[in-house]
């Protein structure tokens, strides 16, 4: 069985764990609708992305 010869110091342990933290989600305010959305994602309320219409909006008849 593999057993460490020396105790791992807190500095080495924390350096190993430095990449394990949770990163913040990049939420921006949409320019057109003013609703919050994630950057580089389609705005689901309007169907727009990068100034282009990507998704068709559902009309009240389709519901």
N, C-alpha and C. Protein backbone atom coordinates (compact mmCIF):
# COMPACT_ATOMS: atom_id res chain seq x y z
N UNK A 1 0.85 -1.18 0.00
CA UNK A 1 0.00 0.00 0.00
C UNK A 1 0.89 1.23 0.00
N UNK A 2 0.54 2.22 -0.83
CA UNK A 2 1.33 3.44 -0.92
C UNK A 2 1.01 4.35 0.27
N UNK A 3 2.05 4.74 0.97
CA UNK A 3 1.91 5.61 2.14
C UNK A 3 2.86 6.78 1.96
N UNK A 4 2.38 8.01 2.15
CA UNK A 4 3.29 9.15 2.00
C UNK A 4 4.38 9.14 3.07
N UNK A 5 5.57 9.51 2.64
CA UNK A 5 6.69 9.52 3.58
C UNK A 5 6.60 10.71 4.52
N UNK A 6 6.10 11.85 4.02
CA UNK A 6 5.98 13.07 4.83
C UNK A 6 4.55 13.60 4.74
N UNK A 7 4.16 14.33 5.77
CA UNK A 7 2.85 14.97 5.79
C UNK A 7 2.83 16.10 4.75
N UNK A 8 1.74 16.19 4.00
CA UNK A 8 1.60 17.27 3.02
C UNK A 8 1.34 18.57 3.76
N UNK A 9 2.13 19.58 3.45
CA UNK A 9 1.99 20.86 4.15
C UNK A 9 0.71 21.57 3.70
N UNK A 10 0.16 22.45 4.54
CA UNK A 10 -1.04 23.20 4.13
C UNK A 10 -0.83 24.00 2.86
N UNK A 11 0.38 24.49 2.65
CA UNK A 11 0.66 25.26 1.44
C UNK A 11 0.52 24.39 0.19
N UNK A 12 1.12 23.21 0.21
CA UNK A 12 1.03 22.30 -0.94
C UNK A 12 -0.41 21.82 -1.14
N UNK A 13 -1.10 21.54 -0.05
CA UNK A 13 -2.49 21.09 -0.14
C UNK A 13 -3.36 22.17 -0.77
N UNK A 14 -3.18 23.43 -0.34
CA UNK A 14 -3.99 24.52 -0.87
C UNK A 14 -3.63 24.84 -2.32
N UNK A 15 -2.35 24.68 -2.69
CA UNK A 15 -1.98 24.87 -4.10
C UNK A 15 -2.65 23.84 -4.99
N UNK A 16 -2.78 22.63 -4.49
CA UNK A 16 -3.44 21.56 -5.26
C UNK A 16 -4.92 21.87 -5.44
N UNK A 17 -5.53 22.48 -4.43
CA UNK A 17 -6.96 22.77 -4.47
C UNK A 17 -7.29 24.11 -5.11
N UNK A 18 -6.31 24.81 -5.63
CA UNK A 18 -6.55 26.17 -6.13
C UNK A 18 -7.50 26.21 -7.32
N UNK A 19 -7.60 25.14 -8.09
CA UNK A 19 -8.45 25.12 -9.27
C UNK A 19 -9.83 24.53 -9.00
N UNK A 20 -10.11 24.17 -7.76
CA UNK A 20 -11.37 23.51 -7.43
C UNK A 20 -12.50 24.47 -7.07
N UNK A 21 -12.22 25.76 -7.04
CA UNK A 21 -13.24 26.71 -6.62
C UNK A 21 -14.30 26.88 -7.70
N UNK A 22 -15.47 27.32 -7.30
CA UNK A 22 -16.58 27.55 -8.22
C UNK A 22 -16.44 28.95 -8.80
N UNK A 23 -16.54 29.05 -10.11
CA UNK A 23 -16.40 30.36 -10.75
C UNK A 23 -17.77 31.05 -10.83
N UNK A 24 -17.76 32.36 -10.95
CA UNK A 24 -18.99 33.13 -11.04
C UNK A 24 -19.62 32.98 -12.43
N UNK A 25 -20.94 33.01 -12.48
CA UNK A 25 -21.66 32.95 -13.74
C UNK A 25 -21.71 34.36 -14.31
N UNK A 26 -21.41 34.48 -15.60
CA UNK A 26 -21.37 35.79 -16.25
C UNK A 26 -22.77 36.16 -16.74
N UNK A 27 -23.52 36.89 -15.93
CA UNK A 27 -24.87 37.31 -16.28
C UNK A 27 -24.82 38.78 -16.67
N UNK A 28 -25.39 39.09 -17.84
CA UNK A 28 -25.42 40.46 -18.33
C UNK A 28 -26.86 40.89 -18.54
N UNK A 29 -27.07 42.18 -18.71
CA UNK A 29 -28.39 42.69 -19.02
C UNK A 29 -28.50 42.81 -20.53
N UNK A 30 -29.56 42.23 -21.10
CA UNK A 30 -29.75 42.26 -22.54
C UNK A 30 -30.02 43.68 -23.01
N UNK A 31 -29.41 44.07 -24.13
CA UNK A 31 -29.55 45.43 -24.63
C UNK A 31 -30.96 45.72 -25.13
N UNK A 32 -31.58 44.74 -25.78
CA UNK A 32 -32.90 44.96 -26.38
C UNK A 32 -34.03 44.82 -25.37
N UNK A 33 -34.05 43.68 -24.65
CA UNK A 33 -35.18 43.42 -23.76
C UNK A 33 -34.95 43.91 -22.33
N UNK A 34 -33.69 44.11 -21.94
CA UNK A 34 -33.38 44.55 -20.59
C UNK A 34 -33.43 43.44 -19.56
N UNK A 35 -33.65 42.20 -19.99
CA UNK A 35 -33.72 41.07 -19.08
C UNK A 35 -32.32 40.50 -18.85
N UNK A 36 -32.08 39.92 -17.68
CA UNK A 36 -30.77 39.29 -17.46
C UNK A 36 -30.65 37.98 -18.25
N UNK A 37 -29.46 37.74 -18.79
CA UNK A 37 -29.19 36.50 -19.52
C UNK A 37 -27.70 36.22 -19.45
N UNK A 38 -27.32 35.00 -19.75
CA UNK A 38 -25.91 34.63 -19.78
C UNK A 38 -25.30 35.13 -21.08
N UNK A 39 -24.05 35.58 -21.01
CA UNK A 39 -23.40 36.07 -22.21
C UNK A 39 -23.13 34.92 -23.18
N UNK A 40 -23.11 35.20 -24.46
CA UNK A 40 -22.88 34.23 -25.54
C UNK A 40 -23.98 33.17 -25.57
N UNK A 41 -25.19 33.54 -25.20
CA UNK A 41 -26.34 32.64 -25.27
C UNK A 41 -27.49 33.37 -25.97
N UNK A 42 -28.40 32.61 -26.56
CA UNK A 42 -29.57 33.19 -27.22
C UNK A 42 -30.52 33.73 -26.16
N UNK A 43 -31.08 34.91 -26.41
CA UNK A 43 -32.09 35.47 -25.52
C UNK A 43 -33.40 34.75 -25.83
N UNK A 44 -33.88 33.93 -24.92
CA UNK A 44 -35.05 33.09 -25.18
C UNK A 44 -36.34 33.89 -25.27
N UNK A 45 -36.38 35.08 -24.66
CA UNK A 45 -37.61 35.86 -24.72
C UNK A 45 -37.81 36.48 -26.09
N UNK A 46 -36.73 36.88 -26.75
CA UNK A 46 -36.85 37.51 -28.08
C UNK A 46 -36.34 36.62 -29.21
N UNK A 47 -35.49 35.64 -28.91
CA UNK A 47 -34.93 34.78 -29.95
C UNK A 47 -33.77 35.42 -30.69
N UNK A 48 -33.22 36.49 -30.14
CA UNK A 48 -32.13 37.21 -30.82
C UNK A 48 -30.79 36.75 -30.26
N UNK A 49 -29.77 36.76 -31.15
CA UNK A 49 -28.39 36.53 -30.74
C UNK A 49 -27.49 37.32 -31.67
N UNK A 50 -26.65 38.17 -31.11
CA UNK A 50 -25.67 38.96 -31.85
C UNK A 50 -26.35 39.81 -32.93
N UNK A 51 -27.53 40.35 -32.63
CA UNK A 51 -28.24 41.22 -33.54
C UNK A 51 -29.01 40.51 -34.63
N UNK A 52 -29.09 39.19 -34.57
CA UNK A 52 -29.81 38.42 -35.59
C UNK A 52 -30.94 37.63 -34.94
N UNK A 53 -32.02 37.42 -35.68
CA UNK A 53 -33.14 36.62 -35.21
C UNK A 53 -32.79 35.15 -35.44
N UNK A 54 -32.62 34.39 -34.37
CA UNK A 54 -32.23 32.98 -34.45
C UNK A 54 -33.44 32.08 -34.28
N UNK A 55 -34.26 32.36 -33.27
CA UNK A 55 -35.44 31.55 -32.99
C UNK A 55 -36.69 32.32 -33.37
N UNK A 56 -37.68 31.59 -33.87
CA UNK A 56 -38.97 32.22 -34.17
C UNK A 56 -39.76 32.34 -32.87
N UNK A 57 -40.43 33.48 -32.70
CA UNK A 57 -41.25 33.67 -31.52
C UNK A 57 -42.59 32.98 -31.73
N UNK A 58 -43.09 32.37 -30.66
CA UNK A 58 -44.40 31.73 -30.73
C UNK A 58 -45.48 32.80 -30.67
N UNK A 59 -46.48 32.68 -31.53
CA UNK A 59 -47.60 33.59 -31.46
C UNK A 59 -48.62 33.04 -30.49
N UNK A 60 -49.64 33.84 -30.18
CA UNK A 60 -50.64 33.41 -29.21
C UNK A 60 -51.48 32.26 -29.76
N UNK A 61 -51.54 32.09 -31.09
CA UNK A 61 -52.30 30.99 -31.70
C UNK A 61 -51.61 29.65 -31.50
N UNK A 62 -50.24 29.65 -31.44
CA UNK A 62 -49.49 28.40 -31.33
C UNK A 62 -49.60 27.77 -29.95
N UNK A 63 -49.93 28.53 -28.93
CA UNK A 63 -50.01 27.99 -27.56
C UNK A 63 -51.21 27.15 -27.45
